[in-house]
Amino acid sequence: MGVLSSVRAVRWARKHQPDQVAYWIALAHERFPPDDLLRQAIEAEHAGFDGISCSDHLAPWWTEQTAPTNAGSAWVWLGAAARATEHAQVGSAVTAIVHRYNPVVVAQNAATLEFLAPGRAFLGVGSGEAMNEVPAGMDWPSPAEQLERTEEALIIITRLLRGETVDFDGRYFKAKGAVLYSLPKRRVPIYLSAFHEGAAELAGRLADGVWTLADPQKAPKVIAAYREACEQAKREPGEIILQGVFSVAESDDAALEQAREWKGTLVDEHYTDPVEDPAEIYRHGEAEVPDSQFTKQIIASSDPTEHVKRIKLLQKLGATTMALMNVSGGDPHAAIRVYGESVLPELRDA
């Protein structure tokens, strides 16, 4: 996608923005234990977040020598979060569907979540990372195969959630007379994670929206590919979910330091290449992402007005939803309070 098509895509997305952008919190299983994350979910709803998503990992991006490590089961946790909250949207961000999860089981999980949180469940899916799939027995495939696997799994999941009985004989996945016997009245929406144009095209054809990083350099290309795919498939555009990262502390330096372990998430090769060792991932992040770049990619500040300003700029890329990941390792609960008292009200008054 060229520069002109990217500019046009952002203009197109902004025309499709709702009057009020939704604000979701993204909660990190890699960093916080499941019980603490459940407390964060409850606090986030009380603070005014419209939705609650959680990462779905088998391994963190660092080792215990760097920062506390965790990796609770996302789908067990989502069931608890569904019952502990009342009105926020709840779902995964994102569940990898290339190996570790069978797509039939993913569809079953999503349908069950909708029963526990009627009208509130969503399913975020993607191709994942080697760090989570290799330990489960997979030889990490090429990006092309990742996309092929994602498409096959997504076809099975969408058909099951539509209430179909599915027979599928794919290259990577199979289903024989699969059916969801507990099928909710509302079809759970599916949002596909896309860091590149191929996945965005797939989202335009098969998913209910695209989920990508709120990166001013990369997001426009993803949105452009999503727009084109929607038009070619004669489908109405769905959600455009842009994910950002925030860290709140008593000083800007402290906000940066408590988020430092997340640098590995900004190295593209960690999503495409067979890099599965958390220690190696952390080293790559420190070596390849200088602080000057890191502070441009995340919102790390003690000043709520800085958070408001940065989020307003990012949502101008055309977001229907801003998913904001809380990486405030020192005190995530205080960060949620700051957002509830000083950030979300300002965003909604704009």
Protein backbone atom coordinates (compact mmCIF):
# COMPACT_ATOMS: atom_id res chain seq x y z
CA MET A 1 0.00 0.00 0.00
CA GLY A 2 1.35 3.42 -0.99
CA VAL A 3 1.30 6.64 0.96
CA LEU A 4 -1.74 7.97 -0.88
CA SER A 5 -3.81 4.85 -0.24
CA SER A 6 -2.84 4.98 3.44
CA VAL A 7 -3.94 8.61 3.72
CA ARG A 8 -7.21 7.82 2.00
CA ALA A 9 -7.77 4.85 4.28
CA VAL A 10 -7.34 6.95 7.43
CA ARG A 11 -9.79 9.52 6.05
CA TRP A 12 -12.21 6.69 5.24
CA ALA A 13 -11.84 5.23 8.73
CA ARG A 14 -12.41 8.60 10.37
CA LYS A 15 -15.64 9.01 8.39
CA HIS A 16 -16.79 5.68 9.82
CA GLN A 17 -15.88 6.55 13.40
CA PRO A 18 -18.79 6.61 15.83
CA ASP A 19 -19.63 9.84 17.61
CA GLN A 20 -18.06 8.33 20.73
CA VAL A 21 -15.00 6.13 20.42
CA ALA A 22 -15.04 3.20 22.87
CA TYR A 23 -12.20 2.80 25.38
CA TRP A 24 -11.20 -0.68 26.45
CA ILE A 25 -8.52 -1.70 28.88
CA ALA A 26 -6.15 -4.48 27.90
CA LEU A 27 -4.90 -6.55 30.84
CA ALA A 28 -1.62 -8.43 30.79
CA HIS A 29 -1.49 -12.07 31.87
CA GLU A 30 2.25 -12.03 31.23
CA ARG A 31 2.90 -9.54 34.04
CA PHE A 32 0.20 -9.93 36.70
CA PRO A 33 -1.23 -13.01 38.46
CA PRO A 34 -4.82 -13.96 37.57
CA ASP A 35 -6.35 -12.89 40.89
CA ASP A 36 -4.78 -9.45 40.67
CA LEU A 37 -5.93 -9.14 37.05
CA LEU A 38 -9.49 -9.92 38.14
CA ARG A 39 -9.29 -7.06 40.63
CA GLN A 40 -7.99 -4.83 37.81
CA ALA A 41 -10.95 -5.84 35.62
CA ILE A 42 -13.47 -4.90 38.30
CA GLU A 43 -11.69 -1.60 38.95
CA ALA A 44 -11.51 -0.85 35.22
CA GLU A 45 -15.26 -1.23 34.81
CA HIS A 46 -15.86 1.03 37.80
CA ALA A 47 -13.39 3.54 36.31
CA GLY A 48 -15.49 3.76 33.16
CA PHE A 49 -13.73 1.57 30.62
CA ASP A 50 -16.21 0.27 28.04
CA GLY A 51 -14.48 -3.08 27.56
CA ILE A 52 -11.97 -5.44 29.10
CA SER A 53 -9.62 -7.56 27.04
CA CYS A 54 -6.82 -9.83 28.18
CA SER A 55 -3.72 -11.25 26.56
CA ASP A 56 -3.57 -15.00 25.96
CA HIS A 57 -0.05 -16.31 26.57
CA LEU A 58 1.79 -19.44 27.60
CA ALA A 59 5.01 -17.49 28.24
CA PRO A 60 5.95 -13.88 29.06
CA TRP A 61 8.24 -11.61 27.06
CA TRP A 62 10.98 -11.66 29.71
CA THR A 63 12.38 -13.79 32.54
CA GLU A 64 11.92 -13.57 36.29
CA GLN A 65 15.31 -11.89 36.53
CA THR A 66 13.88 -8.90 34.67
CA ALA A 67 10.37 -8.49 36.06
CA PRO A 68 7.67 -10.67 37.67
CA THR A 69 6.47 -13.36 35.27
CA ASN A 70 2.99 -14.81 34.91
CA ALA A 71 0.88 -16.55 32.27
CA GLY A 72 -2.54 -17.47 33.59
CA SER A 73 -5.12 -19.23 31.43
CA ALA A 74 -6.97 -16.52 29.56
CA TRP A 75 -10.16 -18.51 29.04
CA VAL A 76 -10.51 -19.65 32.64
CA TRP A 77 -9.92 -16.05 33.66
CA LEU A 78 -12.42 -14.64 31.15
CA GLY A 79 -15.16 -16.77 32.68
CA ALA A 80 -14.41 -15.26 36.08
CA ALA A 81 -14.19 -11.74 34.63
CA ALA A 82 -17.54 -12.20 32.89
CA ARG A 83 -19.25 -12.90 36.19
CA ALA A 84 -17.34 -10.26 38.15
CA THR A 85 -18.37 -7.45 35.78
CA GLU A 86 -21.76 -6.19 34.69
CA HIS A 87 -21.67 -4.13 31.50
CA ALA A 88 -18.16 -3.99 30.00
CA GLN A 89 -17.36 -5.95 26.85
CA VAL A 90 -15.08 -8.91 27.64
CA GLY A 91 -12.85 -11.04 25.46
CA SER A 92 -9.40 -12.19 24.42
CA ALA A 93 -6.73 -10.01 22.82
CA VAL A 94 -5.72 -12.16 21.26
CA THR A 95 -6.06 -15.92 21.16
CA ALA A 96 -3.62 -17.53 18.73
CA ILE A 97 -5.33 -19.98 16.38
CA VAL A 98 -2.40 -21.55 14.54
CA HIS A 99 -1.64 -24.52 16.82
CA ARG A 100 -2.05 -24.36 20.60
CA TYR A 101 -5.83 -24.02 20.39
CA ASN A 102 -8.05 -26.18 18.21
CA PRO A 103 -10.45 -23.85 16.38
CA VAL A 104 -13.47 -25.92 17.39
CA VAL A 105 -12.54 -25.40 21.04
CA VAL A 106 -11.97 -21.69 20.47
CA ALA A 107 -15.49 -21.36 19.10
CA GLN A 108 -16.84 -23.33 22.06
CA ASN A 109 -14.99 -21.04 24.48
CA ALA A 110 -16.33 -17.89 22.82
CA ALA A 111 -19.91 -19.18 22.79
CA THR A 112 -19.67 -20.14 26.46
CA LEU A 113 -18.34 -16.70 27.36
CA GLU A 114 -21.38 -15.12 25.69
CA PHE A 115 -23.68 -17.18 27.94
CA LEU A 116 -21.79 -15.90 30.99
CA ALA A 117 -21.78 -12.29 29.75
CA PRO A 118 -24.82 -11.94 27.45
CA GLY A 119 -24.33 -9.29 24.80
CA ARG A 120 -20.79 -8.55 25.98
CA ALA A 121 -18.45 -11.26 24.69
CA PHE A 122 -16.02 -10.85 21.83
CA LEU A 123 -13.25 -12.98 20.40
CA GLY A 124 -9.90 -11.54 19.39
CA VAL A 125 -7.77 -13.94 17.36
CA GLY A 126 -4.43 -13.89 15.58
CA SER A 127 -1.44 -15.96 14.54
CA GLY A 128 0.43 -15.51 17.82
CA GLU A 129 4.12 -15.88 18.52
CA ALA A 130 6.67 -18.67 18.63
CA MET A 131 7.19 -18.10 22.37
CA ASN A 132 3.69 -19.47 23.02
CA GLU A 133 3.40 -22.14 20.33
CA VAL A 134 6.84 -23.77 20.23
CA PRO A 135 6.67 -24.87 23.90
CA ALA A 136 3.34 -26.54 23.01
CA GLY A 137 5.07 -28.67 20.38
CA MET A 138 4.99 -26.62 17.18
CA ASP A 139 7.75 -25.97 14.70
CA TRP A 140 7.15 -22.26 14.11
CA PRO A 141 6.03 -21.81 10.50
CA SER A 142 6.80 -19.14 7.95
CA PRO A 143 4.60 -16.00 7.89
CA ALA A 144 2.84 -17.39 4.81
CA GLU A 145 1.92 -20.59 6.62
CA GLN A 146 0.87 -18.64 9.70
CA LEU A 147 -1.62 -16.77 7.55
CA GLU A 148 -2.88 -19.96 5.90
CA ARG A 149 -3.39 -21.60 9.29
CA THR A 150 -5.18 -18.52 10.59
CA GLU A 151 -7.55 -18.50 7.63
CA GLU A 152 -8.47 -22.17 8.00
CA ALA A 153 -9.07 -21.80 11.74
CA LEU A 154 -11.07 -18.62 11.25
CA ILE A 155 -13.35 -20.29 8.71
CA ILE A 156 -14.15 -23.09 11.16
CA ILE A 157 -14.71 -20.70 14.07
CA THR A 158 -16.98 -18.32 12.15
CA ARG A 159 -19.11 -21.14 10.76
CA LEU A 160 -19.56 -22.71 14.20
CA LEU A 161 -20.52 -19.41 15.79
CA ARG A 162 -23.11 -18.95 13.04
CA GLY A 163 -24.70 -22.18 14.19
CA GLU A 164 -23.55 -24.41 11.34
CA THR A 165 -22.59 -28.04 11.54
CA VAL A 166 -19.06 -27.98 10.20
CA ASP A 167 -17.22 -30.50 8.08
CA PHE A 168 -13.85 -29.15 7.09
CA ASP A 169 -10.88 -30.88 5.50
CA GLY A 170 -8.10 -28.35 5.37
CA ARG A 171 -4.36 -28.63 5.03
CA TYR A 172 -3.84 -27.82 8.70
CA PHE A 173 -7.19 -28.22 10.48
CA LYS A 174 -10.08 -30.63 10.21
CA ALA A 175 -13.57 -30.83 11.63
CA LYS A 176 -16.06 -33.68 11.34
CA GLY A 177 -19.68 -32.89 12.09
CA ALA A 178 -18.65 -30.25 14.63
CA VAL A 179 -21.49 -28.29 16.16
CA LEU A 180 -21.96 -25.98 19.15
CA TYR A 181 -24.75 -27.46 21.20
CA SER A 182 -24.70 -24.48 23.56
CA LEU A 183 -25.19 -21.75 20.98
CA PRO A 184 -26.00 -18.25 22.25
CA LYS A 185 -28.68 -16.14 20.58
CA ARG A 186 -26.14 -13.43 19.74
CA ARG A 187 -23.27 -14.35 17.46
CA VAL A 188 -20.00 -13.46 19.14
CA PRO A 189 -18.06 -10.93 17.03
CA ILE A 190 -14.56 -11.89 15.93
CA TYR A 191 -11.74 -9.38 15.56
CA LEU A 192 -8.57 -10.40 13.76
CA SER A 193 -5.19 -9.08 14.82
CA ALA A 194 -3.21 -7.70 11.89
CA PHE A 195 0.30 -6.29 11.88
CA HIS A 196 0.63 -6.52 8.11
CA GLU A 197 -1.50 -6.23 5.00
CA GLY A 198 -2.08 -9.97 4.48
CA ALA A 199 -3.80 -10.40 7.83
CA ALA A 200 -5.74 -7.16 7.30
CA GLU A 201 -7.05 -8.50 4.00
CA LEU A 202 -8.17 -11.66 5.78
CA ALA A 203 -9.92 -9.56 8.42
CA GLY A 204 -11.80 -7.72 5.69
CA ARG A 205 -13.04 -10.97 4.17
CA LEU A 206 -13.86 -13.05 7.23
CA ALA A 207 -13.81 -11.13 10.51
CA ASP A 208 -15.98 -8.48 12.15
CA GLY A 209 -13.14 -6.03 12.48
CA VAL A 210 -9.41 -5.54 12.50
CA TRP A 211 -7.21 -5.16 15.60
CA THR A 212 -3.82 -3.52 15.15
CA LEU A 213 -1.23 -1.45 16.95
CA ALA A 214 -1.87 2.27 17.28
CA ASP A 215 1.29 3.04 15.35
CA PRO A 216 1.02 6.14 13.12
CA GLN A 217 3.52 4.61 10.68
CA LYS A 218 2.06 1.11 10.41
CA ALA A 219 -1.65 1.39 11.19
CA PRO A 220 -2.61 3.34 8.02
CA LYS A 221 -1.28 0.53 5.78
CA VAL A 222 -3.22 -2.07 7.76
CA ILE A 223 -6.38 0.04 7.60
CA ALA A 224 -5.92 0.54 3.85
CA ALA A 225 -5.67 -3.20 3.24
CA TYR A 226 -8.69 -3.81 5.47
CA ARG A 227 -10.73 -1.19 3.63
CA GLU A 228 -9.88 -2.64 0.22
CA ALA A 229 -10.73 -6.18 1.33
CA CYS A 230 -14.10 -5.08 2.74
CA GLU A 231 -14.94 -3.33 -0.52
CA GLN A 232 -13.89 -6.29 -2.68
CA ALA A 233 -15.89 -8.69 -0.52
CA LYS A 234 -18.86 -6.28 -0.57
CA ARG A 235 -18.93 -6.29 3.22
CA GLU A 236 -19.69 -3.39 5.52
CA PRO A 237 -16.59 -2.36 7.49
CA GLY A 238 -16.49 -3.52 11.08
CA GLU A 239 -14.55 -2.36 14.10
CA ILE A 240 -11.13 -0.77 13.80
CA ILE A 241 -9.50 -1.48 17.13
CA LEU A 242 -6.21 0.30 17.76
CA GLN A 243 -4.13 -0.90 20.68
CA GLY A 244 -1.89 1.41 22.67
CA VAL A 245 0.14 0.94 25.84
CA PHE A 246 0.11 3.13 28.93
CA SER A 247 2.19 3.39 32.07
CA VAL A 248 1.38 5.75 34.94
CA ALA A 249 3.72 6.44 37.85
CA GLU A 250 4.79 9.28 40.13
CA SER A 251 7.39 10.48 37.62
CA ASP A 252 7.98 10.08 33.90
CA ASP A 253 11.21 8.19 34.57
CA ALA A 254 9.42 5.76 36.87
CA ALA A 255 6.66 5.26 34.29
CA LEU A 256 9.31 4.32 31.73
CA GLU A 257 11.23 2.00 34.02
CA GLN A 258 8.18 0.00 35.13
CA ALA A 259 7.28 -0.68 31.49
CA ARG A 260 10.77 -1.47 30.20
CA GLU A 261 10.24 -5.24 30.01
CA TRP A 262 7.69 -4.69 27.23
CA LYS A 263 10.26 -3.55 24.69
CA GLY A 264 10.34 -7.03 23.16
CA THR A 265 6.78 -6.56 21.91
CA LEU A 266 8.05 -3.90 19.50
CA VAL A 267 10.48 -6.15 17.63
CA ASP A 268 8.78 -7.37 14.45
CA GLU A 269 10.82 -10.59 14.28
CA HIS A 270 9.31 -11.81 17.53
CA TYR A 271 6.03 -12.31 15.66
CA THR A 272 7.42 -13.80 12.46
CA ASP A 273 10.58 -15.72 13.37
CA PRO A 274 11.13 -18.82 15.57
CA VAL A 275 12.27 -16.86 18.63
CA GLU A 276 10.81 -18.61 21.66
CA ASP A 277 13.20 -17.96 24.56
CA PRO A 278 11.91 -15.14 26.81
CA ALA A 279 15.46 -14.21 27.79
CA GLU A 280 16.42 -13.80 24.13
CA ILE A 281 13.27 -11.80 23.46
CA TYR A 282 14.11 -9.41 26.30
CA ARG A 283 17.69 -8.99 25.09
CA HIS A 284 16.49 -8.21 21.58
CA GLY A 285 14.09 -5.62 22.95
CA GLU A 286 16.77 -3.85 24.97
CA ALA A 287 19.23 -3.93 22.07
CA GLU A 288 16.88 -2.91 19.27
CA VAL A 289 14.44 -0.51 20.96
CA PRO A 290 16.19 2.51 22.51
CA ASP A 291 14.38 4.48 25.19
CA SER A 292 13.86 7.37 22.75
CA GLN A 293 11.90 5.08 20.43
CA PHE A 294 10.12 3.25 23.24
CA THR A 295 8.68 6.44 24.73
CA LYS A 296 7.25 7.33 21.31
CA GLN A 297 5.54 3.94 21.04
CA ILE A 298 3.99 3.85 24.50
CA ILE A 299 2.42 6.48 26.74
CA ALA A 300 4.67 6.56 29.80
CA SER A 301 4.00 9.66 31.88
CA SER A 302 3.04 10.89 35.32
CA ASP A 303 0.83 13.58 33.77
CA PRO A 304 -2.75 12.56 32.90
CA THR A 305 -2.97 15.36 30.34
CA GLU A 306 -0.12 13.75 28.39
CA HIS A 307 -2.09 10.50 28.27
CA VAL A 308 -5.19 12.36 27.03
CA LYS A 309 -3.21 14.22 24.36
CA ARG A 310 -1.49 11.10 23.05
CA ILE A 311 -4.66 9.02 22.94
CA LYS A 312 -6.54 11.76 21.08
CA LEU A 313 -3.81 11.83 18.45
CA LEU A 314 -3.82 8.05 18.05
CA GLN A 315 -7.56 7.71 17.71
CA LYS A 316 -7.44 10.16 14.80
CA LEU A 317 -6.05 7.24 12.81
CA GLY A 318 -9.67 6.11 12.57
CA ALA A 319 -10.28 3.94 15.61
CA THR A 320 -13.77 2.86 16.54
CA THR A 321 -12.23 1.44 19.73
CA MET A 322 -9.03 2.26 21.58
CA ALA A 323 -7.70 -0.75 23.51
CA LEU A 324 -5.28 0.60 26.11
CA MET A 325 -2.91 -1.86 27.72
CA ASN A 326 -2.04 -1.22 31.35
CA VAL A 327 1.67 -1.97 31.86
CA SER A 328 2.02 0.09 35.05
CA GLY A 329 3.99 -2.60 36.86
CA GLY A 330 4.59 -0.59 40.02
CA ASP A 331 0.90 -0.03 40.81
CA PRO A 332 -1.57 -0.99 38.09
CA HIS A 333 -4.50 -0.21 40.36
CA ALA A 334 -3.39 3.38 40.87
CA ALA A 335 -3.02 3.73 37.11
CA ILE A 336 -6.60 2.58 36.58
CA ARG A 337 -7.78 5.13 39.15
CA VAL A 338 -5.92 7.90 37.30
CA TYR A 339 -7.59 6.91 34.07
CA GLY A 340 -11.01 6.80 35.71
CA GLU A 341 -10.61 10.19 37.38
CA SER A 342 -8.54 12.21 34.92
CA VAL A 343 -8.14 10.54 31.52
CA LEU A 344 -11.39 8.90 30.39
CA PRO A 345 -13.59 11.90 31.37
CA GLU A 346 -11.37 14.23 29.33
CA LEU A 347 -11.43 11.91 26.33
CA ARG A 348 -15.21 11.75 26.37
CA ASP A 349 -15.64 15.50 26.79
CA ALA A 350 -13.56 16.17 23.68
